[in-house]
Amino acid sequence: MNTLYIFPAAFGLRNASPFCLKAEMALTYLNIDFTIEEVSDPRKAPKGKLPYMDFDGEIVADSEILFEYLDNKTNGQLYQGLSSQQKASGIAMSRLVEDHLYWLMVASRWLDDTWFPHVSKGFFGDMPIPLRWIVPMVARKQVVKTYNLHGLGAHSLEEQKGFARRDLQAINDTIGNKQYLLGEEISVFDFTTAAILSGVFDNTPDTWLTPIAREFPTLVEYAERVQNKLGVYGRTTP
């Protein structure tokens, strides 16, 4: 039995973490049979974060490491057809969306006082009182600390919006007139990029990042194209 462990649904997303969503996309793309199990507390995961996968008792944690595992398991099917230059470009884009744009998305949810109640309800609403009041504040302080260590927390909101707009412009220009990130065929790197964009476009209600992303209709169409191709969606209702 193959089991993918992910976060529960929250704020209009059936897969609130883009890392979990991209893992689900990859497994679907490879036609691997698997079931999904939701984990409310990521501290119970092998590396203290989600997703992770159980392949008949073999545990694989972290989405990028999972991709390497899946590629080896399927004799290169996950990265098949990609030149070394395409793979290099895909890795560079993955770093941009996961190590930079992702944290701006996190900030737009967790650090905005007007939006944080949705995080509190979505992730911690089922906890008994008083944990329902205490745990969200503790978790938020940890996110603030991490965001500051990343360096983005040193900037004003307007400066963060500028970073986001430049990240999105880079993705938009990379896609250009192509169907997918690297060409006319979908690739593993589309899973990473589209999963992040799904989280930006489809969380409910909009964060401050959402209208900025919608300035790029190419990205809206691209995120939909990838999800439609795989039949795997970030939002609750396709």
C-alpha atoms as a PDB file:
ATOM      1  CA  MET A   1       0.000   0.000   0.000  1.00  0.00           C
ATOM      2  CA  ASN A   2       1.328   3.429  -1.002  1.00  0.00           C
ATOM      3  CA  THR A   3       0.142   6.284   1.199  1.00  0.00           C
ATOM      4  CA  LEU A   4       0.711  10.019   0.735  1.00  0.00           C
ATOM      5  CA  TYR A   5       0.416  12.046   3.931  1.00  0.00           C
ATOM      6  CA  ILE A   6      -0.775  15.631   3.484  1.00  0.00           C
ATOM      7  CA  PHE A   7      -2.389  18.524   5.358  1.00  0.00           C
ATOM      8  CA  PRO A   8      -6.183  18.600   5.745  1.00  0.00           C
ATOM      9  CA  ALA A   9      -8.224  20.923   3.528  1.00  0.00           C
ATOM     10  CA  ALA A  10      -8.326  24.576   4.572  1.00  0.00           C
ATOM     11  CA  PHE A  11      -9.619  27.958   3.302  1.00  0.00           C
ATOM     12  CA  GLY A  12     -11.074  26.651   0.055  1.00  0.00           C
ATOM     13  CA  LEU A  13      -8.136  24.404  -0.747  1.00  0.00           C
ATOM     14  CA  ARG A  14      -8.407  20.634  -0.610  1.00  0.00           C
ATOM     15  CA  ASN A  15      -4.623  20.621  -0.550  1.00  0.00           C
ATOM     16  CA  ALA A  16      -3.496  23.682   1.373  1.00  0.00           C
ATOM     17  CA  SER A  17       0.226  22.987   0.886  1.00  0.00           C
ATOM     18  CA  PRO A  18       1.745  23.329  -2.612  1.00  0.00           C
ATOM     19  CA  PHE A  19       4.378  20.786  -1.634  1.00  0.00           C
ATOM     20  CA  CYS A  20       1.661  18.236  -0.949  1.00  0.00           C
ATOM     21  CA  LEU A  21      -0.161  19.159  -4.143  1.00  0.00           C
ATOM     22  CA  LYS A  22       2.898  18.760  -6.356  1.00  0.00           C
ATOM     23  CA  ALA A  23       3.543  15.324  -4.842  1.00  0.00           C
ATOM     24  CA  GLU A  24      -0.028  14.286  -5.640  1.00  0.00           C
ATOM     25  CA  MET A  25       0.418  15.601  -9.182  1.00  0.00           C
ATOM     26  CA  ALA A  26       3.612  13.591  -9.692  1.00  0.00           C
ATOM     27  CA  LEU A  27       2.085  10.357  -8.425  1.00  0.00           C
ATOM     28  CA  THR A  28      -0.927  10.842 -10.683  1.00  0.00           C
ATOM     29  CA  TYR A  29       1.288  11.652 -13.678  1.00  0.00           C
ATOM     30  CA  LEU A  30       3.212   8.415 -13.129  1.00  0.00           C
ATOM     31  CA  ASN A  31       0.016   6.359 -12.687  1.00  0.00           C
ATOM     32  CA  ILE A  32       1.145   5.118  -9.289  1.00  0.00           C
ATOM     33  CA  ASP A  33      -1.619   3.721  -7.094  1.00  0.00           C
ATOM     34  CA  PHE A  34      -1.787   5.543  -3.787  1.00  0.00           C
ATOM     35  CA  THR A  35      -4.122   6.625  -1.053  1.00  0.00           C
ATOM     36  CA  ILE A  36      -4.168   9.933   0.797  1.00  0.00           C
ATOM     37  CA  GLU A  37      -4.135  10.332   4.549  1.00  0.00           C
ATOM     38  CA  GLU A  38      -4.487  13.699   6.240  1.00  0.00           C
ATOM     39  CA  VAL A  39      -2.236  14.704   9.117  1.00  0.00           C
ATOM     40  CA  SER A  40      -3.239  17.673  11.253  1.00  0.00           C
ATOM     41  CA  ASP A  41       0.024  17.929  13.173  1.00  0.00           C
ATOM     42  CA  PRO A  42       3.125  17.917  10.904  1.00  0.00           C
ATOM     43  CA  ARG A  43       5.337  17.423  13.949  1.00  0.00           C
ATOM     44  CA  LYS A  44       4.332  13.770  13.728  1.00  0.00           C
ATOM     45  CA  ALA A  45       5.920  13.515  10.267  1.00  0.00           C
ATOM     46  CA  PRO A  46       9.427  11.999   9.913  1.00  0.00           C
ATOM     47  CA  LYS A  47      11.068  15.382   9.279  1.00  0.00           C
ATOM     48  CA  GLY A  48       8.456  17.453  11.051  1.00  0.00           C
ATOM     49  CA  LYS A  49       6.844  18.600   7.807  1.00  0.00           C
ATOM     50  CA  LEU A  50       4.544  17.406   5.038  1.00  0.00           C
ATOM     51  CA  PRO A  51       4.260  15.704   2.634  1.00  0.00           C
ATOM     52  CA  TYR A  52       5.826  12.356   3.195  1.00  0.00           C
ATOM     53  CA  MET A  53       5.119   8.997   1.589  1.00  0.00           C
ATOM     54  CA  ASP A  54       4.954   5.410   2.739  1.00  0.00           C
ATOM     55  CA  PHE A  55       5.851   2.976  -0.037  1.00  0.00           C
ATOM     56  CA  ASP A  56       5.004  -0.417   1.429  1.00  0.00           C
ATOM     57  CA  GLY A  57       6.842   0.465   4.629  1.00  0.00           C
ATOM     58  CA  GLU A  58       9.612   2.552   3.039  1.00  0.00           C
ATOM     59  CA  ILE A  59       9.262   6.152   4.230  1.00  0.00           C
ATOM     60  CA  VAL A  60      10.264   9.017   1.948  1.00  0.00           C
ATOM     61  CA  ALA A  61      10.029  12.566   3.323  1.00  0.00           C
ATOM     62  CA  ASP A  62      10.320  15.947   1.546  1.00  0.00           C
ATOM     63  CA  SER A  63       8.720  16.602  -1.846  1.00  0.00           C
ATOM     64  CA  GLU A  64      11.972  17.098  -3.786  1.00  0.00           C
ATOM     65  CA  ILE A  65      13.511  13.957  -2.335  1.00  0.00           C
ATOM     66  CA  LEU A  66      10.256  12.187  -3.156  1.00  0.00           C
ATOM     67  CA  PHE A  67      10.622  13.297  -6.784  1.00  0.00           C
ATOM     68  CA  GLU A  68      14.111  11.802  -6.965  1.00  0.00           C
ATOM     69  CA  TYR A  69      12.825   8.607  -5.386  1.00  0.00           C
ATOM     70  CA  LEU A  70       9.947   8.384  -7.871  1.00  0.00           C
ATOM     71  CA  ASP A  71      12.265   8.998 -10.808  1.00  0.00           C
ATOM     72  CA  ASN A  72      14.526   6.152  -9.683  1.00  0.00           C
ATOM     73  CA  LYS A  73      11.562   3.913  -8.931  1.00  0.00           C
ATOM     74  CA  THR A  74      10.139   4.402 -12.430  1.00  0.00           C
ATOM     75  CA  ASN A  75      13.451   4.160 -14.302  1.00  0.00           C
ATOM     76  CA  GLY A  76      13.603   7.837 -15.153  1.00  0.00           C
ATOM     77  CA  GLN A  77       9.992   8.444 -16.132  1.00  0.00           C
ATOM     78  CA  LEU A  78       9.574  11.590 -14.046  1.00  0.00           C
ATOM     79  CA  TYR A  79      12.335  13.535 -15.820  1.00  0.00           C
ATOM     80  CA  GLN A  80      12.168  11.687 -19.127  1.00  0.00           C
ATOM     81  CA  GLY A  81      12.677  13.697 -22.295  1.00  0.00           C
ATOM     82  CA  LEU A  82      14.304  16.655 -20.562  1.00  0.00           C
ATOM     83  CA  SER A  83      17.675  17.894 -21.724  1.00  0.00           C
ATOM     84  CA  SER A  84      20.293  18.878 -19.166  1.00  0.00           C
ATOM     85  CA  GLN A  85      19.586  22.525 -19.985  1.00  0.00           C
ATOM     86  CA  GLN A  86      15.840  22.073 -19.494  1.00  0.00           C
ATOM     87  CA  LYS A  87      16.403  20.335 -16.176  1.00  0.00           C
ATOM     88  CA  ALA A  88      18.709  23.145 -15.065  1.00  0.00           C
ATOM     89  CA  SER A  89      16.093  25.746 -16.006  1.00  0.00           C
ATOM     90  CA  GLY A  90      13.403  23.767 -14.226  1.00  0.00           C
ATOM     91  CA  ILE A  91      15.432  23.485 -11.033  1.00  0.00           C
ATOM     92  CA  ALA A  92      16.164  27.225 -11.110  1.00  0.00           C
ATOM     93  CA  MET A  93      12.452  28.007 -11.482  1.00  0.00           C
ATOM     94  CA  SER A  94      11.612  25.582  -8.677  1.00  0.00           C
ATOM     95  CA  ARG A  95      14.008  27.409  -6.387  1.00  0.00           C
ATOM     96  CA  LEU A  96      12.375  30.745  -7.272  1.00  0.00           C
ATOM     97  CA  VAL A  97       8.825  29.571  -6.574  1.00  0.00           C
ATOM     98  CA  GLU A  98       9.534  27.376  -3.540  1.00  0.00           C
ATOM     99  CA  ASP A  99      12.239  29.363  -1.770  1.00  0.00           C
ATOM    100  CA  HIS A 100      10.983  32.877  -2.522  1.00  0.00           C
ATOM    101  CA  LEU A 101       7.451  33.191  -3.932  1.00  0.00           C
ATOM    102  CA  TYR A 102       6.214  30.504  -1.542  1.00  0.00           C
ATOM    103  CA  TRP A 103       7.325  32.536   1.481  1.00  0.00           C
ATOM    104  CA  LEU A 104       5.533  35.595   0.171  1.00  0.00           C
ATOM    105  CA  MET A 105       2.415  33.437  -0.095  1.00  0.00           C
ATOM    106  CA  VAL A 106       2.937  32.266   3.493  1.00  0.00           C
ATOM    107  CA  ALA A 107       3.318  35.864   4.651  1.00  0.00           C
ATOM    108  CA  SER A 108       0.135  36.895   2.846  1.00  0.00           C
ATOM    109  CA  ARG A 109      -1.746  34.283   4.877  1.00  0.00           C
ATOM    110  CA  TRP A 110      -0.021  34.139   8.240  1.00  0.00           C
ATOM    111  CA  LEU A 111       1.311  37.651   8.785  1.00  0.00           C
ATOM    112  CA  ASP A 112      -1.628  39.725   7.556  1.00  0.00           C
ATOM    113  CA  ASP A 113      -3.752  40.521  10.609  1.00  0.00           C
ATOM    114  CA  THR A 114      -6.918  40.603   8.489  1.00  0.00           C
ATOM    115  CA  TRP A 115      -6.243  37.174   6.931  1.00  0.00           C
ATOM    116  CA  PHE A 116      -4.720  35.265   9.829  1.00  0.00           C
ATOM    117  CA  PRO A 117      -8.141  34.350  11.349  1.00  0.00           C
ATOM    118  CA  HIS A 118      -8.679  32.120   8.288  1.00  0.00           C
ATOM    119  CA  VAL A 119      -5.398  30.338   9.046  1.00  0.00           C
ATOM    120  CA  SER A 120      -6.372  29.988  12.691  1.00  0.00           C
ATOM    121  CA  LYS A 121      -9.753  28.517  11.817  1.00  0.00           C
ATOM    122  CA  GLY A 122      -8.521  26.366   8.938  1.00  0.00           C
ATOM    123  CA  PHE A 123      -5.558  24.763  10.692  1.00  0.00           C
ATOM    124  CA  PHE A 124      -6.483  24.938  14.366  1.00  0.00           C
ATOM    125  CA  GLY A 125     -10.268  25.328  14.511  1.00  0.00           C
ATOM    126  CA  ASP A 126     -10.888  21.732  15.603  1.00  0.00           C
ATOM    127  CA  MET A 127      -8.654  22.003  18.653  1.00  0.00           C
ATOM    128  CA  PRO A 128     -10.303  22.195  22.062  1.00  0.00           C
ATOM    129  CA  ILE A 129     -10.280  25.423  24.000  1.00  0.00           C
ATOM    130  CA  PRO A 130      -7.846  26.811  25.209  1.00  0.00           C
ATOM    131  CA  LEU A 131      -5.466  25.164  22.686  1.00  0.00           C
ATOM    132  CA  ARG A 132      -7.533  26.686  19.881  1.00  0.00           C
ATOM    133  CA  TRP A 133      -6.488  30.116  21.172  1.00  0.00           C
ATOM    134  CA  ILE A 134      -2.910  29.403  22.220  1.00  0.00           C
ATOM    135  CA  VAL A 135      -1.463  27.165  19.490  1.00  0.00           C
ATOM    136  CA  PRO A 136      -2.170  29.518  16.544  1.00  0.00           C
ATOM    137  CA  MET A 137      -0.308  32.340  18.275  1.00  0.00           C
ATOM    138  CA  VAL A 138       2.675  30.112  19.020  1.00  0.00           C
ATOM    139  CA  ALA A 139       2.741  28.840  15.433  1.00  0.00           C
ATOM    140  CA  ARG A 140       2.460  32.383  14.070  1.00  0.00           C
ATOM    141  CA  LYS A 141       5.454  33.521  16.115  1.00  0.00           C
ATOM    142  CA  GLN A 142       7.465  30.677  14.589  1.00  0.00           C
ATOM    143  CA  VAL A 143       6.426  31.727  11.080  1.00  0.00           C
ATOM    144  CA  VAL A 144       7.439  35.331  11.850  1.00  0.00           C
ATOM    145  CA  LYS A 145      10.830  34.125  13.096  1.00  0.00           C
ATOM    146  CA  THR A 146      11.399  31.994   9.993  1.00  0.00           C
ATOM    147  CA  TYR A 147      10.287  34.793   7.665  1.00  0.00           C
ATOM    148  CA  ASN A 148      12.691  37.197   9.322  1.00  0.00           C
ATOM    149  CA  LEU A 149      15.552  34.704   9.099  1.00  0.00           C
ATOM    150  CA  HIS A 150      14.764  34.252   5.409  1.00  0.00           C
ATOM    151  CA  GLY A 151      15.284  37.988   4.998  1.00  0.00           C
ATOM    152  CA  LEU A 152      11.925  38.910   3.493  1.00  0.00           C
ATOM    153  CA  GLY A 153      10.626  39.986   6.882  1.00  0.00           C
ATOM    154  CA  ALA A 154      12.993  42.967   6.871  1.00  0.00           C
ATOM    155  CA  HIS A 155      11.040  44.618   4.060  1.00  0.00           C
ATOM    156  CA  SER A 156       7.878  46.708   4.053  1.00  0.00           C
ATOM    157  CA  LEU A 157       4.662  45.298   2.654  1.00  0.00           C
ATOM    158  CA  GLU A 158       5.019  47.401  -0.495  1.00  0.00           C
ATOM    159  CA  GLU A 159       8.545  46.099  -0.982  1.00  0.00           C
ATOM    160  CA  GLN A 160       7.313  42.531  -0.520  1.00  0.00           C
ATOM    161  CA  LYS A 161       4.658  43.158  -3.148  1.00  0.00           C
ATOM    162  CA  GLY A 162       7.424  44.332  -5.459  1.00  0.00           C
ATOM    163  CA  PHE A 163       9.337  41.099  -4.910  1.00  0.00           C
ATOM    164  CA  ALA A 164       6.175  39.110  -5.634  1.00  0.00           C
ATOM    165  CA  ARG A 165       5.418  41.007  -8.825  1.00  0.00           C
ATOM    166  CA  ARG A 166       8.963  40.428 -10.123  1.00  0.00           C
ATOM    167  CA  ASP A 167       8.777  36.710  -9.271  1.00  0.00           C
ATOM    168  CA  LEU A 168       5.461  36.388 -11.097  1.00  0.00           C
ATOM    169  CA  GLN A 169       6.774  38.359 -14.065  1.00  0.00           C
ATOM    170  CA  ALA A 170       9.717  35.954 -14.307  1.00  0.00           C
ATOM    171  CA  ILE A 171       7.390  32.937 -14.372  1.00  0.00           C
ATOM    172  CA  ASN A 172       5.132  34.673 -16.896  1.00  0.00           C
ATOM    173  CA  ASP A 173       8.056  35.478 -19.195  1.00  0.00           C
ATOM    174  CA  THR A 174       9.460  31.967 -18.900  1.00  0.00           C
ATOM    175  CA  ILE A 175       6.164  30.475 -20.067  1.00  0.00           C
ATOM    176  CA  GLY A 176       5.694  33.086 -22.796  1.00  0.00           C
ATOM    177  CA  ASN A 177       3.619  31.619 -25.630  1.00  0.00           C
ATOM    178  CA  LYS A 178       4.316  28.020 -24.645  1.00  0.00           C
ATOM    179  CA  GLN A 179       1.728  25.671 -23.181  1.00  0.00           C
ATOM    180  CA  TYR A 180       3.968  24.689 -20.293  1.00  0.00           C
ATOM    181  CA  LEU A 181       7.047  25.886 -18.487  1.00  0.00           C
ATOM    182  CA  LEU A 182       9.615  24.149 -20.681  1.00  0.00           C
ATOM    183  CA  GLY A 183       7.701  23.707 -23.922  1.00  0.00           C
ATOM    184  CA  GLU A 184       4.569  22.170 -25.382  1.00  0.00           C
ATOM    185  CA  GLU A 185       4.654  19.073 -23.167  1.00  0.00           C
ATOM    186  CA  ILE A 186       3.975  19.002 -19.443  1.00  0.00           C
ATOM    187  CA  SER A 187       6.957  18.212 -17.216  1.00  0.00           C
ATOM    188  CA  VAL A 188       7.694  17.577 -13.567  1.00  0.00           C
ATOM    189  CA  PHE A 189       8.598  21.242 -13.080  1.00  0.00           C
ATOM    190  CA  ASP A 190       5.077  22.277 -14.011  1.00  0.00           C
ATOM    191  CA  PHE A 191       3.845  20.420 -10.932  1.00  0.00           C
ATOM    192  CA  THR A 192       5.998  22.576  -8.664  1.00  0.00           C
ATOM    193  CA  THR A 193       5.124  25.868 -10.339  1.00  0.00           C
ATOM    194  CA  ALA A 194       1.401  25.256 -10.845  1.00  0.00           C
ATOM    195  CA  ALA A 195       1.004  24.007  -7.260  1.00  0.00           C
ATOM    196  CA  ILE A 196       2.326  27.301  -5.899  1.00  0.00           C
ATOM    197  CA  LEU A 197       0.142  29.326  -8.269  1.00  0.00           C
ATOM    198  CA  SER A 198      -2.921  27.297  -7.305  1.00  0.00           C
ATOM    199  CA  GLY A 199      -2.334  28.232  -3.684  1.00  0.00           C
ATOM    200  CA  VAL A 200      -2.098  31.894  -4.642  1.00  0.00           C
ATOM    201  CA  PHE A 201      -5.137  31.988  -6.930  1.00  0.00           C
ATOM    202  CA  ASP A 202      -7.518  29.655  -5.116  1.00  0.00           C
ATOM    203  CA  ASN A 203      -7.196  30.320  -1.390  1.00  0.00           C
ATOM    204  CA  THR A 204     -10.423  31.828  -0.052  1.00  0.00           C
ATOM    205  CA  PRO A 205     -10.753  34.715   0.462  1.00  0.00           C
ATOM    206  CA  ASP A 206      -8.063  36.424  -1.600  1.00  0.00           C
ATOM    207  CA  THR A 207      -4.856  37.437   0.155  1.00  0.00           C
ATOM    208  CA  TRP A 208      -2.939  40.563  -0.825  1.00  0.00           C
ATOM    209  CA  LEU A 209      -0.901  38.356  -3.163  1.00  0.00           C
ATOM    210  CA  THR A 210      -3.885  37.097  -5.173  1.00  0.00           C
ATOM    211  CA  PRO A 211      -4.769  40.306  -7.097  1.00  0.00           C
ATOM    212  CA  ILE A 212      -1.093  40.838  -7.909  1.00  0.00           C
ATOM    213  CA  ALA A 213      -0.921  37.355  -9.435  1.00  0.00           C
ATOM    214  CA  ARG A 214      -4.108  37.989 -11.408  1.00  0.00           C
ATOM    215  CA  GLU A 215      -2.340  40.837 -13.166  1.00  0.00           C
ATOM    216  CA  PHE A 216      -0.823  38.006 -15.226  1.00  0.00           C
ATOM    217  CA  PRO A 217      -3.629  36.222 -17.129  1.00  0.00           C
ATOM    218  CA  THR A 218      -1.059  33.889 -18.693  1.00  0.00           C
ATOM    219  CA  LEU A 219      -0.380  32.492 -15.219  1.00  0.00           C
ATOM    220  CA  VAL A 220      -4.079  32.012 -14.475  1.00  0.00           C
ATOM    221  CA  GLU A 221      -4.494  30.058 -17.709  1.00  0.00           C
ATOM    222  CA  TYR A 222      -1.291  28.109 -17.141  1.00  0.00           C
ATOM    223  CA  ALA A 223      -2.229  26.987 -13.619  1.00  0.00           C
ATOM    224  CA  GLU A 224      -5.619  25.824 -14.894  1.00  0.00           C
ATOM    225  CA  ARG A 225      -4.032  24.032 -17.848  1.00  0.00           C
ATOM    226  CA  VAL A 226      -1.703  21.999 -15.635  1.00  0.00           C
ATOM    227  CA  GLN A 227      -4.435  21.052 -13.172  1.00  0.00           C
ATOM    228  CA  ASN A 228      -6.860  20.141 -15.968  1.00  0.00           C
ATOM    229  CA  LYS A 229      -4.210  18.030 -17.698  1.00  0.00           C
ATOM    230  CA  LEU A 230      -3.644  15.928 -14.576  1.00  0.00           C
ATOM    231  CA  GLY A 231      -7.128  16.090 -13.094  1.00  0.00           C
ATOM    232  CA  VAL A 232      -5.522  17.140  -9.800  1.00  0.00           C
ATOM    233  CA  TYR A 233      -6.633  20.429  -8.278  1.00  0.00           C
ATOM    234  CA  GLY A 234      -5.575  22.537  -5.345  1.00  0.00           C
ATOM    235  CA  ARG A 235      -9.018  23.946  -4.715  1.00  0.00           C
ATOM    236  CA  THR A 236     -11.904  22.088  -3.174  1.00  0.00           C
ATOM    237  CA  THR A 237     -14.129  22.322  -6.258  1.00  0.00           C
ATOM    238  CA  PRO A 238     -12.507  21.803  -9.732  1.00  0.00           C
END
